[in-house]
Structures are given as C-alpha cells and as structure tokens.
C-alpha cells in the first residue's frame, strides 16, 4: 500500500462505531434526550460515518474532508428528524382518553 493515509481497519471500525451509537440514540434515546443533545449526537455520528468512509479511500483531498464532514453533520440530524419526528418529549402526543 503506497498511500499511508488509507487506514482501512480504522475506517471500518469508525463506521461500525458511529452506526452502533447512532442506532442506540435513535432507537433507544431519541424521545428521552433533550433536543440539542439528540441533534448533536446525530451530527457527531454523521461525521463519524463520513470520516470512516474517507479513511478507506485513496487520494482524498482536503475539500472532501470539509464537504463530507460538514454535509453529514447537517444531513444526519435532519434525516433523523424527518424520519423519527422531533426528539425529546415535546413531540409526543398521547391520545385523549376522554374523547374516546
């Protein structure tokens, strides 16, 4: 391997760790965490996915790091918000038993 900046094992481990932590946050803690912490943790997981993906590639420039990390830091929390609804208890709506 002539490019020393390619770290396949580290990239794969980073992708796996970011995915596992993201799944734990979304499926287990999404409705329990405060809004800022939920979005911040999803942004960090998105950046971990981007960094892991860039670590396994050859010939990655500085622009790829800036755009990749920045894009997934913004898009991952947005995607989680659209799919799972707003984080925290404010987005939960309980059915009214009196109306039933």
PDB file of N, CA and C in Angstrom:
ATOM      1  N   UNK A   1       0.854  -1.172   0.000  1.00  0.00           N
ATOM      2  CA  UNK A   1       0.000   0.000   0.000  1.00  0.00           C
ATOM      3  C   UNK A   1       0.897   1.230   0.000  1.00  0.00           C
ATOM      4  N   UNK A   2       0.864   1.995  -1.070  1.00  0.00           N
ATOM      5  CA  UNK A   2       1.750   3.135  -1.186  1.00  0.00           C
ATOM      6  C   UNK A   2       1.181   4.415  -0.571  1.00  0.00           C
ATOM      7  N   UNK A   3      -0.094   4.465  -0.303  1.00  0.00           N
ATOM      8  CA  UNK A   3      -0.693   5.641   0.316  1.00  0.00           C
ATOM      9  C   UNK A   3      -0.873   5.368   1.804  1.00  0.00           C
ATOM     10  N   UNK A   4      -0.074   6.030   2.628  1.00  0.00           N
ATOM     11  CA  UNK A   4      -0.115   5.777   4.062  1.00  0.00           C
ATOM     12  C   UNK A   4      -1.321   6.412   4.739  1.00  0.00           C
ATOM     13  N   UNK A   5      -2.068   7.247   4.022  1.00  0.00           N
ATOM     14  CA  UNK A   5      -3.223   7.904   4.618  1.00  0.00           C
ATOM     15  C   UNK A   5      -4.475   7.039   4.523  1.00  0.00           C
ATOM     16  N   UNK A   6      -4.372   5.874   3.926  1.00  0.00           N
ATOM     17  CA  UNK A   6      -5.506   4.955   3.837  1.00  0.00           C
ATOM     18  C   UNK A   6      -5.428   4.014   5.030  1.00  0.00           C
ATOM     19  N   UNK A   7      -6.437   4.059   5.857  1.00  0.00           N
ATOM     20  CA  UNK A   7      -6.489   3.219   7.050  1.00  0.00           C
ATOM     21  C   UNK A   7      -7.797   2.433   7.012  1.00  0.00           C
ATOM     22  N   UNK A   8      -7.756   1.293   6.350  1.00  0.00           N
ATOM     23  CA  UNK A   8      -8.978   0.530   6.120  1.00  0.00           C
ATOM     24  C   UNK A   8      -9.582   0.048   7.434  1.00  0.00           C
ATOM     25  N   UNK A   9      -8.778  -0.537   8.302  1.00  0.00           N
ATOM     26  CA  UNK A   9      -9.311  -1.073   9.565  1.00  0.00           C
ATOM     27  C   UNK A   9      -9.893   0.037  10.435  1.00  0.00           C
ATOM     28  N   UNK A  10      -9.190   1.156  10.527  1.00  0.00           N
ATOM     29  CA  UNK A  10      -9.694   2.274  11.334  1.00  0.00           C
ATOM     30  C   UNK A  10     -10.976   2.839  10.742  1.00  0.00           C
ATOM     31  N   UNK A  11     -11.042   2.931   9.421  1.00  0.00           N
ATOM     32  CA  UNK A  11     -12.252   3.435   8.781  1.00  0.00           C
ATOM     33  C   UNK A  11     -13.447   2.533   9.015  1.00  0.00           C
ATOM     34  N   UNK A  12     -13.231   1.227   8.892  1.00  0.00           N
ATOM     35  CA  UNK A  12     -14.331   0.281   9.108  1.00  0.00           C
ATOM     36  C   UNK A  12     -14.782   0.300  10.559  1.00  0.00           C
ATOM     37  N   UNK A  13     -13.831   0.368  11.490  1.00  0.00           N
ATOM     38  CA  UNK A  13     -14.210   0.434  12.908  1.00  0.00           C
ATOM     39  C   UNK A  13     -14.960   1.730  13.223  1.00  0.00           C
ATOM     40  N   UNK A  14     -14.554   2.828  12.617  1.00  0.00           N
ATOM     41  CA  UNK A  14     -15.232   4.105  12.844  1.00  0.00           C
ATOM     42  C   UNK A  14     -16.649   4.088  12.277  1.00  0.00           C
ATOM     43  N   UNK A  15     -16.816   3.502  11.108  1.00  0.00           N
ATOM     44  CA  UNK A  15     -18.157   3.370  10.526  1.00  0.00           C
ATOM     45  C   UNK A  15     -19.034   2.500  11.419  1.00  0.00           C
ATOM     46  N   UNK A  16     -18.495   1.385  11.900  1.00  0.00           N
ATOM     47  CA  UNK A  16     -19.268   0.497  12.776  1.00  0.00           C
ATOM     48  C   UNK A  16     -19.635   1.150  14.092  1.00  0.00           C
ATOM     49  N   UNK A  17     -18.695   1.852  14.701  1.00  0.00           N
ATOM     50  CA  UNK A  17     -18.970   2.514  15.978  1.00  0.00           C
ATOM     51  C   UNK A  17     -19.988   3.636  15.820  1.00  0.00           C
ATOM     52  N   UNK A  18     -19.834   4.451  14.783  1.00  0.00           N
ATOM     53  CA  UNK A  18     -20.787   5.546  14.558  1.00  0.00           C
ATOM     54  C   UNK A  18     -22.177   5.006  14.258  1.00  0.00           C
ATOM     55  N   UNK A  19     -22.247   3.913  13.515  1.00  0.00           N
ATOM     56  CA  UNK A  19     -23.553   3.306  13.224  1.00  0.00           C
ATOM     57  C   UNK A  19     -24.200   2.742  14.474  1.00  0.00           C
ATOM     58  N   UNK A  20     -23.415   2.061  15.307  1.00  0.00           N
ATOM     59  CA  UNK A  20     -23.960   1.472  16.531  1.00  0.00           C
ATOM     60  C   UNK A  20     -24.431   2.549  17.506  1.00  0.00           C
ATOM     61  N   UNK A  21     -23.639   3.582  17.679  1.00  0.00           N
ATOM     62  CA  UNK A  21     -24.033   4.667  18.587  1.00  0.00           C
ATOM     63  C   UNK A  21     -25.251   5.401  18.040  1.00  0.00           C
ATOM     64  N   UNK A  22     -25.271   5.635  16.739  1.00  0.00           N
ATOM     65  CA  UNK A  22     -26.431   6.285  16.128  1.00  0.00           C
ATOM     66  C   UNK A  22     -27.699   5.467  16.283  1.00  0.00           C
ATOM     67  N   UNK A  23     -27.602   4.154  16.114  1.00  0.00           N
ATOM     68  CA  UNK A  23     -28.771   3.292  16.286  1.00  0.00           C
ATOM     69  C   UNK A  23     -29.246   3.306  17.735  1.00  0.00           C
ATOM     70  N   UNK A  24     -28.314   3.304  18.674  1.00  0.00           N
ATOM     71  CA  UNK A  24     -28.689   3.367  20.089  1.00  0.00           C
ATOM     72  C   UNK A  24     -29.415   4.673  20.403  1.00  0.00           C
ATOM     73  N   UNK A  25     -28.883   5.764  19.888  1.00  0.00           N
ATOM     74  CA  UNK A  25     -29.512   7.071  20.159  1.00  0.00           C
ATOM     75  C   UNK A  25     -30.891   7.149  19.526  1.00  0.00           C
ATOM     76  N   UNK A  26     -30.997   6.753  18.271  1.00  0.00           N
ATOM     77  CA  UNK A  26     -32.271   6.911  17.566  1.00  0.00           C
ATOM     78  C   UNK A  26     -33.328   5.950  18.084  1.00  0.00           C
ATOM     79  N   UNK A  27     -32.983   4.688  18.239  1.00  0.00           N
ATOM     80  CA  UNK A  27     -33.998   3.707  18.626  1.00  0.00           C
ATOM     81  C   UNK A  27     -34.221   3.635  20.133  1.00  0.00           C
ATOM     82  N   UNK A  28     -33.261   4.046  20.931  1.00  0.00           N
ATOM     83  CA  UNK A  28     -33.423   3.927  22.368  1.00  0.00           C
ATOM     84  C   UNK A  28     -33.591   5.228  23.116  1.00  0.00           C
ATOM     85  N   UNK A  29     -32.958   6.286  22.628  1.00  0.00           N
ATOM     86  CA  UNK A  29     -32.906   7.523  23.414  1.00  0.00           C
ATOM     87  C   UNK A  29     -33.514   8.736  22.726  1.00  0.00           C
ATOM     88  N   UNK A  30     -33.994   8.604  21.512  1.00  0.00           N
ATOM     89  CA  UNK A  30     -34.455   9.755  20.736  1.00  0.00           C
ATOM     90  C   UNK A  30     -35.521  10.555  21.465  1.00  0.00           C
ATOM     91  N   UNK A  31     -36.465   9.899  22.098  1.00  0.00           N
ATOM     92  CA  UNK A  31     -37.560  10.600  22.804  1.00  0.00           C
ATOM     93  C   UNK A  31     -37.176  11.003  24.228  1.00  0.00           C
ATOM     94  N   UNK A  32     -36.017  10.569  24.704  1.00  0.00           N
ATOM     95  CA  UNK A  32     -35.620  10.867  26.079  1.00  0.00           C
ATOM     96  C   UNK A  32     -34.587  11.978  26.182  1.00  0.00           C
ATOM     97  N   UNK A  33     -33.820  12.187  25.122  1.00  0.00           N
ATOM     98  CA  UNK A  33     -32.750  13.184  25.153  1.00  0.00           C
ATOM     99  C   UNK A  33     -33.296  14.583  24.882  1.00  0.00           C
ATOM    100  N   UNK A  34     -32.655  15.602  25.461  1.00  0.00           N
ATOM    101  CA  UNK A  34     -33.006  16.974  25.083  1.00  0.00           C
ATOM    102  C   UNK A  34     -32.689  17.210  23.605  1.00  0.00           C
ATOM    103  N   UNK A  35     -33.335  18.176  23.016  1.00  0.00           N
ATOM    104  CA  UNK A  35     -33.231  18.421  21.581  1.00  0.00           C
ATOM    105  C   UNK A  35     -31.784  18.666  21.156  1.00  0.00           C
ATOM    106  N   UNK A  36     -31.082  19.523  21.862  1.00  0.00           N
ATOM    107  CA  UNK A  36     -29.703  19.847  21.494  1.00  0.00           C
ATOM    108  C   UNK A  36     -28.771  18.646  21.561  1.00  0.00           C
ATOM    109  N   UNK A  37     -28.935  17.844  22.592  1.00  0.00           N
ATOM    110  CA  UNK A  37     -28.091  16.654  22.737  1.00  0.00           C
ATOM    111  C   UNK A  37     -28.411  15.611  21.675  1.00  0.00           C
ATOM    112  N   UNK A  38     -29.671  15.461  21.339  1.00  0.00           N
ATOM    113  CA  UNK A  38     -30.056  14.494  20.303  1.00  0.00           C
ATOM    114  C   UNK A  38     -29.493  14.906  18.944  1.00  0.00           C
ATOM    115  N   UNK A  39     -29.657  16.171  18.581  1.00  0.00           N
ATOM    116  CA  UNK A  39     -29.137  16.636  17.299  1.00  0.00           C
ATOM    117  C   UNK A  39     -27.606  16.637  17.289  1.00  0.00           C
ATOM    118  N   UNK A  40     -26.999  17.001  18.404  1.00  0.00           N
ATOM    119  CA  UNK A  40     -25.539  16.992  18.484  1.00  0.00           C
ATOM    120  C   UNK A  40     -24.952  15.598  18.360  1.00  0.00           C
ATOM    121  N   UNK A  41     -25.579  14.641  19.008  1.00  0.00           N
ATOM    122  CA  UNK A  41     -25.079  13.267  18.912  1.00  0.00           C
ATOM    123  C   UNK A  41     -25.272  12.709  17.506  1.00  0.00           C
ATOM    124  N   UNK A  42     -26.371  13.068  16.844  1.00  0.00           N
ATOM    125  CA  UNK A  42     -26.565  12.604  15.470  1.00  0.00           C
ATOM    126  C   UNK A  42     -25.580  13.290  14.515  1.00  0.00           C
ATOM    127  N   UNK A  43     -25.255  14.545  14.771  1.00  0.00           N
ATOM    128  CA  UNK A  43     -24.253  15.225  13.950  1.00  0.00           C
ATOM    129  C   UNK A  43     -22.890  14.562  14.119  1.00  0.00           C
ATOM    130  N   UNK A  44     -22.546  14.191  15.353  1.00  0.00           N
ATOM    131  CA  UNK A  44     -21.271  13.511  15.595  1.00  0.00           C
ATOM    132  C   UNK A  44     -21.246  12.141  14.926  1.00  0.00           C
ATOM    133  N   UNK A  45     -22.360  11.424  14.969  1.00  0.00           N
ATOM    134  CA  UNK A  45     -22.424  10.118  14.298  1.00  0.00           C
ATOM    135  C   UNK A  45     -22.308  10.273  12.784  1.00  0.00           C
ATOM    136  N   UNK A  46     -22.926  11.284  12.227  1.00  0.00           N
ATOM    137  CA  UNK A  46     -22.803  11.543  10.796  1.00  0.00           C
ATOM    138  C   UNK A  46     -21.380  11.879  10.404  1.00  0.00           C
ATOM    139  N   UNK A  47     -20.708  12.663  11.232  1.00  0.00           N
ATOM    140  CA  UNK A  47     -19.318  12.980  10.956  1.00  0.00           C
ATOM    141  C   UNK A  47     -18.436  11.745  11.084  1.00  0.00           C
ATOM    142  N   UNK A  48     -18.771  10.862  12.021  1.00  0.00           N
ATOM    143  CA  UNK A  48     -18.025   9.607  12.143  1.00  0.00           C
ATOM    144  C   UNK A  48     -18.189   8.721  10.925  1.00  0.00           C
ATOM    145  N   UNK A  49     -19.404   8.669  10.398  1.00  0.00           N
ATOM    146  CA  UNK A  49     -19.632   7.896   9.166  1.00  0.00           C
ATOM    147  C   UNK A  49     -18.845   8.477   8.001  1.00  0.00           C
ATOM    148  N   UNK A  50     -18.848   9.794   7.871  1.00  0.00           N
ATOM    149  CA  UNK A  50     -18.106  10.433   6.779  1.00  0.00           C
ATOM    150  C   UNK A  50     -16.608  10.209   6.931  1.00  0.00           C
ATOM    151  N   UNK A  51     -16.105  10.368   8.138  1.00  0.00           N
ATOM    152  CA  UNK A  51     -14.669  10.177   8.358  1.00  0.00           C
ATOM    153  C   UNK A  51     -14.262   8.729   8.098  1.00  0.00           C
ATOM    154  N   UNK A  52     -15.078   7.783   8.537  1.00  0.00           N
ATOM    155  CA  UNK A  52     -14.774   6.381   8.271  1.00  0.00           C
ATOM    156  C   UNK A  52     -14.777   6.068   6.788  1.00  0.00           C
ATOM    157  N   UNK A  53     -15.735   6.627   6.070  1.00  0.00           N
ATOM    158  CA  UNK A  53     -15.781   6.417   4.633  1.00  0.00           C
ATOM    159  C   UNK A  53     -14.599   7.036   3.914  1.00  0.00           C
ATOM    160  N   UNK A  54     -14.144   8.178   4.385  1.00  0.00           N
ATOM    161  CA  UNK A  54     -12.999   8.826   3.751  1.00  0.00           C
ATOM    162  C   UNK A  54     -11.683   8.140   4.116  1.00  0.00           C
ATOM    163  N   UNK A  55     -11.621   7.515   5.282  1.00  0.00           N
ATOM    164  CA  UNK A  55     -10.390   6.821   5.675  1.00  0.00           C
ATOM    165  C   UNK A  55     -10.108   5.597   4.809  1.00  0.00           C
ATOM    166  N   UNK A  56     -11.121   4.974   4.280  1.00  0.00           N
ATOM    167  CA  UNK A  56     -10.896   3.758   3.490  1.00  0.00           C
ATOM    168  C   UNK A  56     -10.636   4.059   2.015  1.00  0.00           C
ATOM    169  N   UNK A  57     -10.700   5.305   1.621  1.00  0.00           N
ATOM    170  CA  UNK A  57     -10.493   5.678   0.218  1.00  0.00           C
ATOM    171  C   UNK A  57      -9.074   6.181  -0.007  1.00  0.00           C
ATOM    172  N   UNK A  58      -8.611   6.041  -1.226  1.00  0.00           N
ATOM    173  CA  UNK A  58      -7.311   6.584  -1.611  1.00  0.00           C
ATOM    174  C   UNK A  58      -7.495   7.949  -2.260  1.00  0.00           C
ATOM    175  N   UNK A  59      -6.479   8.767  -2.150  1.00  0.00           N
ATOM    176  CA  UNK A  59      -6.419  10.074  -2.810  1.00  0.00           C
ATOM    177  C   UNK A  59      -7.588  10.976  -2.408  1.00  0.00           C
ATOM    178  N   UNK A  60      -7.767  11.146  -1.127  1.00  0.00           N
ATOM    179  CA  UNK A  60      -8.820  12.025  -0.612  1.00  0.00           C
ATOM    180  C   UNK A  60      -8.205  13.378  -0.312  1.00  0.00           C
ATOM    181  N   UNK A  61      -8.772  14.406  -0.875  1.00  0.00           N
ATOM    182  CA  UNK A  61      -8.258  15.755  -0.671  1.00  0.00           C
ATOM    183  C   UNK A  61      -8.898  16.447   0.524  1.00  0.00           C
ATOM    184  N   UNK A  62      -8.383  17.613   0.824  1.00  0.00           N
ATOM    185  CA  UNK A  62      -8.895  18.391   1.956  1.00  0.00           C
ATOM    186  C   UNK A  62     -10.343  18.818   1.736  1.00  0.00           C
ATOM    187  N   UNK A  63     -10.701  19.127   0.507  1.00  0.00           N
ATOM    188  CA  UNK A  63     -12.075  19.531   0.214  1.00  0.00           C
ATOM    189  C   UNK A  63     -13.057  18.396   0.487  1.00  0.00           C
ATOM    190  N   UNK A  64     -12.649  17.178   0.222  1.00  0.00           N
ATOM    191  CA  UNK A  64     -13.518  16.035   0.504  1.00  0.00           C
ATOM    192  C   UNK A  64     -13.787  15.914   1.997  1.00  0.00           C
ATOM    193  N   UNK A  65     -12.770  16.165   2.795  1.00  0.00           N
ATOM    194  CA  UNK A  65     -12.958  16.117   4.247  1.00  0.00           C
ATOM    195  C   UNK A  65     -13.895  17.219   4.716  1.00  0.00           C
ATOM    196  N   UNK A  66     -13.694  18.418   4.225  1.00  0.00           N
ATOM    197  CA  UNK A  66     -14.528  19.545   4.657  1.00  0.00           C
ATOM    198  C   UNK A  66     -15.978  19.342   4.230  1.00  0.00           C
ATOM    199  N   UNK A  67     -16.179  19.014   2.970  1.00  0.00           N
ATOM    200  CA  UNK A  67     -17.543  18.856   2.451  1.00  0.00           C
ATOM    201  C   UNK A  67     -18.211  17.615   3.038  1.00  0.00           C
ATOM    202  N   UNK A  68     -17.485  16.515   3.104  1.00  0.00           N
ATOM    203  CA  UNK A  68     -18.067  15.276   3.622  1.00  0.00           C
ATOM    204  C   UNK A  68     -18.483  15.382   5.080  1.00  0.00           C
ATOM    205  N   UNK A  69     -17.573  15.869   5.905  1.00  0.00           N
ATOM    206  CA  UNK A  69     -17.896  16.003   7.330  1.00  0.00           C
ATOM    207  C   UNK A  69     -19.001  17.035   7.552  1.00  0.00           C
ATOM    208  N   UNK A  70     -18.908  18.152   6.860  1.00  0.00           N
ATOM    209  CA  UNK A  70     -19.926  19.191   7.026  1.00  0.00           C
ATOM    210  C   UNK A  70     -21.304  18.764   6.536  1.00  0.00           C
ATOM    211  N   UNK A  71     -21.330  18.093   5.394  1.00  0.00           N
ATOM    212  CA  UNK A  71     -22.620  17.666   4.841  1.00  0.00           C
ATOM    213  C   UNK A  71     -23.312  16.654   5.745  1.00  0.00           C
ATOM    214  N   UNK A  72     -22.575  15.665   6.216  1.00  0.00           N
ATOM    215  CA  UNK A  72     -23.221  14.660   7.064  1.00  0.00           C
ATOM    216  C   UNK A  72     -23.501  15.181   8.466  1.00  0.00           C
ATOM    217  N   UNK A  73     -22.760  16.187   8.918  1.00  0.00           N
ATOM    218  CA  UNK A  73     -23.086  16.801  10.208  1.00  0.00           C
ATOM    219  C   UNK A  73     -24.424  17.526  10.143  1.00  0.00           C
ATOM    220  N   UNK A  74     -24.789  18.026   8.975  1.00  0.00           N
ATOM    221  CA  UNK A  74     -26.067  18.716   8.806  1.00  0.00           C
ATOM    222  C   UNK A  74     -27.177  17.744   8.396  1.00  0.00           C
ATOM    223  N   UNK A  75     -26.876  16.862   7.454  1.00  0.00           N
ATOM    224  CA  UNK A  75     -27.915  15.998   6.890  1.00  0.00           C
ATOM    225  C   UNK A  75     -28.353  14.864   7.815  1.00  0.00           C
ATOM    226  N   UNK A  76     -27.468  14.341   8.634  1.00  0.00           N
ATOM    227  CA  UNK A  76     -27.852  13.225   9.508  1.00  0.00           C
ATOM    228  C   UNK A  76     -28.902  13.636  10.538  1.00  0.00           C
ATOM    229  N   UNK A  77     -28.717  14.719  11.298  1.00  0.00           N
ATOM    230  CA  UNK A  77     -29.790  15.117  12.223  1.00  0.00           C
ATOM    231  C   UNK A  77     -31.085  15.486  11.503  1.00  0.00           C
ATOM    232  N   UNK A  78     -30.969  16.120  10.343  1.00  0.00           N
ATOM    233  CA  UNK A  78     -32.161  16.470   9.574  1.00  0.00           C
ATOM    234  C   UNK A  78     -32.920  15.214   9.152  1.00  0.00           C
ATOM    235  N   UNK A  79     -32.181  14.227   8.687  1.00  0.00           N
ATOM    236  CA  UNK A  79     -32.811  12.968   8.278  1.00  0.00           C
ATOM    237  C   UNK A  79     -33.493  12.282   9.469  1.00  0.00           C
ATOM    238  N   UNK A  80     -32.836  12.246  10.603  1.00  0.00           N
ATOM    239  CA  UNK A  80     -33.435  11.618  11.790  1.00  0.00           C
ATOM    240  C   UNK A  80     -34.688  12.377  12.228  1.00  0.00           C
ATOM    241  N   UNK A  81     -34.651  13.687  12.112  1.00  0.00           N
ATOM    242  CA  UNK A  81     -35.824  14.492  12.481  1.00  0.00           C
ATOM    243  C   UNK A  81     -36.992  14.200  11.553  1.00  0.00           C
ATOM    244  N   UNK A  82     -36.718  14.058  10.256  1.00  0.00           N
ATOM    245  CA  UNK A  82     -37.786  13.793   9.298  1.00  0.00           C
ATOM    246  C   UNK A  82     -38.347  12.378   9.435  1.00  0.00           C
ATOM    247  N   UNK A  83     -37.503  11.415   9.736  1.00  0.00           N
ATOM    248  CA  UNK A  83     -37.954  10.019   9.814  1.00  0.00           C
ATOM    249  C   UNK A  83     -38.594   9.709  11.158  1.00  0.00           C
ATOM    250  N   UNK A  84     -37.974  10.139  12.254  1.00  0.00           N
ATOM    251  CA  UNK A  84     -38.426   9.749  13.586  1.00  0.00           C
ATOM    252  C   UNK A  84     -39.209  10.834  14.321  1.00  0.00           C
ATOM    253  N   UNK A  85     -39.346  11.993  13.740  1.00  0.00           N
ATOM    254  CA  UNK A  85     -40.073  13.071  14.412  1.00  0.00           C
ATOM    255  C   UNK A  85     -39.145  13.855  15.308  1.00  0.00           C
ATOM    256  N   UNK A  86     -39.684  14.850  15.975  1.00  0.00           N
ATOM    257  CA  UNK A  86     -38.836  15.685  16.826  1.00  0.00           C
ATOM    258  C   UNK A  86     -38.347  14.917  18.044  1.00  0.00           C
ATOM    259  N   UNK A  87     -37.101  15.162  18.456  1.00  0.00           N
ATOM    260  CA  UNK A  87     -36.593  14.484  19.651  1.00  0.00           C
ATOM    261  C   UNK A  87     -37.173  15.105  20.911  1.00  0.00           C
ATOM    262  N   UNK A  88     -37.009  14.419  22.003  1.00  0.00           N
ATOM    263  CA  UNK A  88     -37.491  14.916  23.282  1.00  0.00           C
ATOM    264  C   UNK A  88     -38.961  14.613  23.486  1.00  0.00           C
ATOM    265  N   UNK A  89     -39.441  14.992  24.611  1.00  0.00           N
ATOM    266  CA  UNK A  89     -40.824  14.699  24.959  1.00  0.00           C
ATOM    267  C   UNK A  89     -41.822  15.656  24.323  1.00  0.00           C
ATOM    268  N   UNK A  90     -41.348  16.740  23.743  1.00  0.00           N
ATOM    269  CA  UNK A  90     -42.275  17.726  23.180  1.00  0.00           C
ATOM    270  C   UNK A  90     -43.006  17.207  21.957  1.00  0.00           C
ATOM    271  N   UNK A  91     -42.425  16.240  21.256  1.00  0.00           N
ATOM    272  CA  UNK A  91     -43.054  15.740  20.049  1.00  0.00           C
ATOM    273  C   UNK A  91     -44.030  14.606  20.289  1.00  0.00           C
ATOM    274  N   UNK A  92     -44.169  14.164  21.525  1.00  0.00           N
ATOM    275  CA  UNK A  92     -45.048  13.035  21.811  1.00  0.00           C
ATOM    276  C   UNK A  92     -46.482  13.521  22.019  1.00  0.00           C
ATOM    277  N   UNK A  93     -47.405  12.860  21.403  1.00  0.00           N
ATOM    278  CA  UNK A  93     -48.805  13.197  21.554  1.00  0.00           C
ATOM    279  C   UNK A  93     -49.540  11.954  22.025  1.00  0.00           C
ATOM    280  N   UNK A  94     -50.142  12.047  23.179  1.00  0.00           N
ATOM    281  CA  UNK A  94     -50.890  10.915  23.718  1.00  0.00           C
ATOM    282  C   UNK A  94     -52.354  11.062  23.334  1.00  0.00           C
ATOM    283  N   UNK A  95     -53.015   9.955  23.046  1.00  0.00           N
ATOM    284  CA  UNK A  95     -54.434  10.044  22.724  1.00  0.00           C
ATOM    285  C   UNK A  95     -55.236  10.494  23.945  1.00  0.00           C
ATOM    286  N   UNK A  96     -56.254  11.264  23.688  1.00  0.00           N
ATOM    287  CA  UNK A  96     -57.102  11.758  24.771  1.00  0.00           C
ATOM    288  C   UNK A  96     -58.106  10.680  25.124  1.00  0.00           C
ATOM    289  N   UNK A  97     -58.045  10.167  26.329  1.00  0.00           N
ATOM    290  CA  UNK A  97     -58.959   9.089  26.762  1.00  0.00           C
ATOM    291  C   UNK A  97     -60.386   9.599  26.956  1.00  0.00           C
ATOM    292  N   UNK A  98     -60.520  10.873  27.255  1.00  0.00           N
ATOM    293  CA  UNK A  98     -61.865  11.410  27.468  1.00  0.00           C
ATOM    294  C   UNK A  98     -62.650  11.485  26.158  1.00  0.00           C
ATOM    295  N   UNK A  99     -61.938  11.678  25.060  1.00  0.00           N
ATOM    296  CA  UNK A  99     -62.602  11.786  23.769  1.00  0.00           C
ATOM    297  C   UNK A  99     -63.044  10.425  23.247  1.00  0.00           C
ATOM    298  N   UNK A 100     -62.460   9.352  23.744  1.00  0.00           N
ATOM    299  CA  UNK A 100     -62.775   8.020  23.230  1.00  0.00           C
ATOM    300  C   UNK A 100     -64.041   7.456  23.796  1.00  0.00           C
TER     301      UNK A 100
END
